[in-house]
Amino acid sequence: MEPPKMNPVVEPLSWMLGTWLSDPPGAGTYPTLQPFQYLEEVHISHVGQPMLNFSFNSFHPDTRKPMHRECGFIRLKPDTNKVAFVSAQNTGVVEVEEGEVNGQELCIASHSIARISFAKEPHVEQVSPALPAPSCLVCAEVCGVNLFLFRKITRKFRLNSEGKLEQTVSMATTTQPMTQHLHVTYKKVTP
């Protein structure tokens, strides 16, 4: 079977396509956390539709025990550089982040979130549309952190000069200002 032709709408994100492995391990930190490392495998693909499909799978660097999982879609608003990143996470969180792609850099920020009713604490509260949208990451289950209500998450993906994909995740809580939380560099292993 012939691979599907890429939809031209997602061409500006074609630099993200492929299977990527963390190289070196990713690093996590936050003022309320002990620093930690993780391994991650990323698959970003397309099936000819006007979106990319993704999955992020992280593992403990020593035990290889599965940690955080998320999968979803990256959509571009046609004829613009506006991007939506829609993800479902193994923690029971579903998140929408929005932003822009400029060249080989994608910057997105939390827009909305939903959480299953029986997810571990904390539960996300309903927020007025006039307030910043809350957001949560995986720290409650992966990092073992006693979480506060997360107020905002930003992600930045960029293809560096060595052809490696970098991801930086920052977050702000009700008690902490926007602070870098995760940084990982990936080496492409398949196109």
Protein backbone atom coordinates (compact mmCIF):
# COMPACT_ATOMS: atom_id res chain seq x y z
CA MET A 1 0.00 0.00 0.00
CA GLU A 2 1.33 3.41 -0.96
CA PRO A 3 1.78 5.91 1.90
CA PRO A 4 -0.81 8.70 1.93
CA LYS A 5 0.06 12.03 0.38
CA MET A 6 0.54 14.77 2.98
CA ASN A 7 -2.31 17.23 3.13
CA PRO A 8 -0.86 20.64 2.16
CA VAL A 9 -2.48 22.26 5.20
CA VAL A 10 0.03 20.54 7.52
CA GLU A 11 3.11 21.07 5.34
CA PRO A 12 4.41 23.81 7.72
CA LEU A 13 4.69 21.10 10.42
CA SER A 14 6.39 18.46 8.24
CA TRP A 15 9.69 18.99 10.11
CA MET A 16 8.09 17.26 13.11
CA LEU A 17 7.28 14.00 11.29
CA GLY A 18 9.00 10.77 12.28
CA THR A 19 9.91 8.65 15.27
CA TRP A 20 12.10 10.42 17.78
CA LEU A 21 13.96 9.10 20.87
CA SER A 22 15.23 11.21 23.74
CA ASP A 23 18.99 11.67 23.41
CA PRO A 24 20.14 12.35 26.15
CA PRO A 25 17.39 11.60 28.71
CA GLY A 26 14.90 14.39 29.34
CA ALA A 27 15.26 16.51 32.46
CA GLY A 28 12.48 17.62 34.78
CA THR A 29 12.55 20.17 37.54
CA TYR A 30 10.27 22.59 39.35
CA PRO A 31 10.62 24.61 42.56
CA THR A 32 8.46 22.04 44.41
CA LEU A 33 10.20 18.95 42.90
CA GLN A 34 13.42 17.02 43.14
CA PRO A 35 15.08 17.03 39.68
CA PHE A 36 14.42 13.87 37.67
CA GLN A 37 15.23 12.29 34.30
CA TYR A 38 13.12 10.31 31.84
CA LEU A 39 13.35 8.59 28.47
CA GLU A 40 10.77 9.37 25.82
CA GLU A 41 9.73 7.99 22.44
CA VAL A 42 7.69 10.23 20.15
CA HIS A 43 5.78 9.24 17.01
CA ILE A 44 4.46 12.02 14.78
CA SER A 45 2.73 10.95 11.57
CA HIS A 46 -0.06 11.77 9.14
CA VAL A 47 -2.68 9.80 7.24
CA GLY A 48 -3.40 12.39 4.57
CA GLN A 49 -5.89 14.33 6.68
CA PRO A 50 -5.32 18.02 7.53
CA MET A 51 -3.69 17.15 10.86
CA LEU A 52 -0.74 15.31 12.35
CA ASN A 53 -1.15 12.38 14.77
CA PHE A 54 1.19 12.09 17.75
CA SER A 55 2.05 9.89 20.70
CA PHE A 56 4.50 10.61 23.51
CA ASN A 57 5.58 7.67 25.68
CA SER A 58 7.95 8.23 28.58
CA PHE A 59 9.85 5.65 30.62
CA HIS A 60 11.90 5.61 33.79
CA PRO A 61 15.56 5.77 32.67
CA ASP A 62 16.74 2.94 34.97
CA THR A 63 13.80 0.54 35.20
CA ARG A 64 12.22 1.32 31.81
CA LYS A 65 8.88 1.31 33.63
CA PRO A 66 6.23 3.20 31.62
CA MET A 67 5.48 6.66 32.95
CA HIS A 68 3.51 9.38 31.19
CA ARG A 69 1.58 8.69 27.99
CA GLU A 70 -0.26 11.12 25.75
CA CYS A 71 -1.61 11.00 22.25
CA GLY A 72 -3.60 13.24 20.01
CA PHE A 73 -3.60 15.56 17.03
CA ILE A 74 -1.93 18.74 15.84
CA ARG A 75 -4.16 20.85 13.59
CA LEU A 76 -3.35 23.95 11.60
CA LYS A 77 -5.97 26.55 10.79
CA PRO A 78 -5.84 26.64 6.95
CA ASP A 79 -3.95 29.55 5.40
CA THR A 80 -2.57 30.69 8.77
CA ASN A 81 0.19 29.76 11.19
CA LYS A 82 -2.36 29.10 14.00
CA VAL A 83 -2.05 25.66 15.58
CA ALA A 84 -4.16 23.56 17.96
CA PHE A 85 -2.57 20.70 19.93
CA VAL A 86 -5.22 18.29 21.31
CA SER A 87 -4.00 15.60 23.71
CA ALA A 88 -5.44 12.82 25.86
CA GLN A 89 -3.22 11.66 28.70
CA ASN A 90 -3.02 8.44 30.70
CA THR A 91 -3.70 10.49 33.84
CA GLY A 92 -7.28 11.15 32.68
CA VAL A 93 -6.57 14.67 31.46
CA VAL A 94 -7.64 15.94 28.04
CA GLU A 95 -6.08 19.22 27.02
CA VAL A 96 -6.23 21.74 24.20
CA GLU A 97 -3.24 23.99 23.65
CA GLU A 98 -3.10 26.66 20.97
CA GLY A 99 -0.38 28.79 19.46
CA GLU A 100 1.62 29.37 16.30
CA VAL A 101 4.18 27.71 14.10
CA ASN A 102 6.95 29.95 12.75
CA GLY A 103 9.52 28.21 10.58
CA GLN A 104 10.75 25.20 12.52
CA GLU A 105 9.40 26.32 15.88
CA LEU A 106 5.98 25.60 17.38
CA CYS A 107 4.90 27.54 20.50
CA ILE A 108 1.62 26.63 22.21
CA ALA A 109 -0.10 27.41 25.51
CA SER A 110 -2.96 25.82 27.43
CA HIS A 111 -6.41 26.85 26.30
CA SER A 112 -8.79 24.36 27.95
CA ILE A 113 -8.77 21.16 29.96
CA ALA A 114 -11.07 18.35 31.02
CA ARG A 115 -10.49 15.59 33.52
CA ILE A 116 -12.20 12.26 34.24
CA SER A 117 -14.36 12.35 37.38
CA PHE A 118 -12.38 9.67 39.22
CA ALA A 119 -8.87 10.96 38.43
CA LYS A 120 -6.41 11.37 41.28
CA GLU A 121 -6.41 14.66 43.14
CA PRO A 122 -6.34 17.50 42.45
CA HIS A 123 -9.53 17.87 40.47
CA VAL A 124 -9.63 20.77 38.05
CA GLU A 125 -12.14 23.41 38.96
CA GLN A 126 -14.47 25.11 36.51
CA VAL A 127 -13.01 28.47 35.54
CA SER A 128 -14.80 31.50 34.18
CA PRO A 129 -13.90 32.23 30.54
CA ALA A 130 -12.56 35.60 31.72
CA LEU A 131 -9.89 33.84 33.80
CA PRO A 132 -6.84 31.96 32.53
CA ALA A 133 -7.68 28.37 31.67
CA PRO A 134 -6.33 25.88 34.21
CA SER A 135 -4.11 23.04 33.16
CA CYS A 136 -2.46 20.00 34.72
CA LEU A 137 0.49 17.86 33.80
CA VAL A 138 1.42 14.42 34.90
CA CYS A 139 3.36 15.28 38.03
CA ALA A 140 0.79 13.92 40.46
CA GLU A 141 1.22 10.40 39.12
CA VAL A 142 4.66 10.50 37.54
CA CYS A 143 6.65 12.79 39.82
CA GLY A 144 4.74 12.07 43.01
CA VAL A 145 4.09 15.76 43.64
CA ASN A 146 1.33 17.15 45.81
CA LEU A 147 -0.09 19.35 43.05
CA PHE A 148 -1.63 22.75 43.26
CA LEU A 149 -4.10 23.89 40.61
CA PHE A 150 -2.09 24.47 37.46
CA ARG A 151 -2.94 27.73 35.77
CA LYS A 152 -1.01 27.58 32.53
CA ILE A 153 1.27 25.31 30.52
CA THR A 154 3.38 26.30 27.57
CA ARG A 155 5.24 24.04 25.18
CA LYS A 156 7.84 24.94 22.65
CA PHE A 157 9.00 22.49 19.98
CA ARG A 158 11.88 23.42 17.70
CA LEU A 159 14.17 21.71 15.24
CA ASN A 160 17.71 22.67 16.23
CA SER A 161 20.72 23.22 13.96
CA GLU A 162 21.78 19.57 14.44
CA GLY A 163 18.43 18.30 13.12
CA LYS A 164 17.25 17.27 16.59
CA LEU A 165 13.78 18.02 17.91
CA GLU A 166 13.65 19.87 21.24
CA GLN A 167 10.66 20.23 23.54
CA THR A 168 10.49 22.59 26.52
CA VAL A 169 7.47 22.57 28.83
CA SER A 170 6.92 25.38 31.32
CA MET A 171 4.08 25.81 33.79
CA ALA A 172 2.59 28.23 36.27
CA THR A 173 0.56 27.25 39.32
CA THR A 174 -1.44 29.21 41.84
CA THR A 175 1.76 29.46 43.92
CA GLN A 176 4.55 29.47 41.32
CA PRO A 177 5.17 31.80 38.38
CA MET A 178 5.80 30.44 34.87
CA THR A 179 8.84 28.20 35.28
CA GLN A 180 10.51 25.62 33.05
CA HIS A 181 9.43 22.12 34.07
CA LEU A 182 10.68 19.73 31.34
CA HIS A 183 13.29 19.85 28.61
CA VAL A 184 14.10 17.03 26.23
CA THR A 185 16.06 16.68 23.01
CA TYR A 186 15.11 13.92 20.55
CA LYS A 187 17.13 12.23 17.84
CA LYS A 188 15.18 11.12 14.76
CA VAL A 189 15.26 7.36 14.29
CA THR A 190 12.81 6.97 11.41
CA PRO A 191 11.44 9.50 8.90
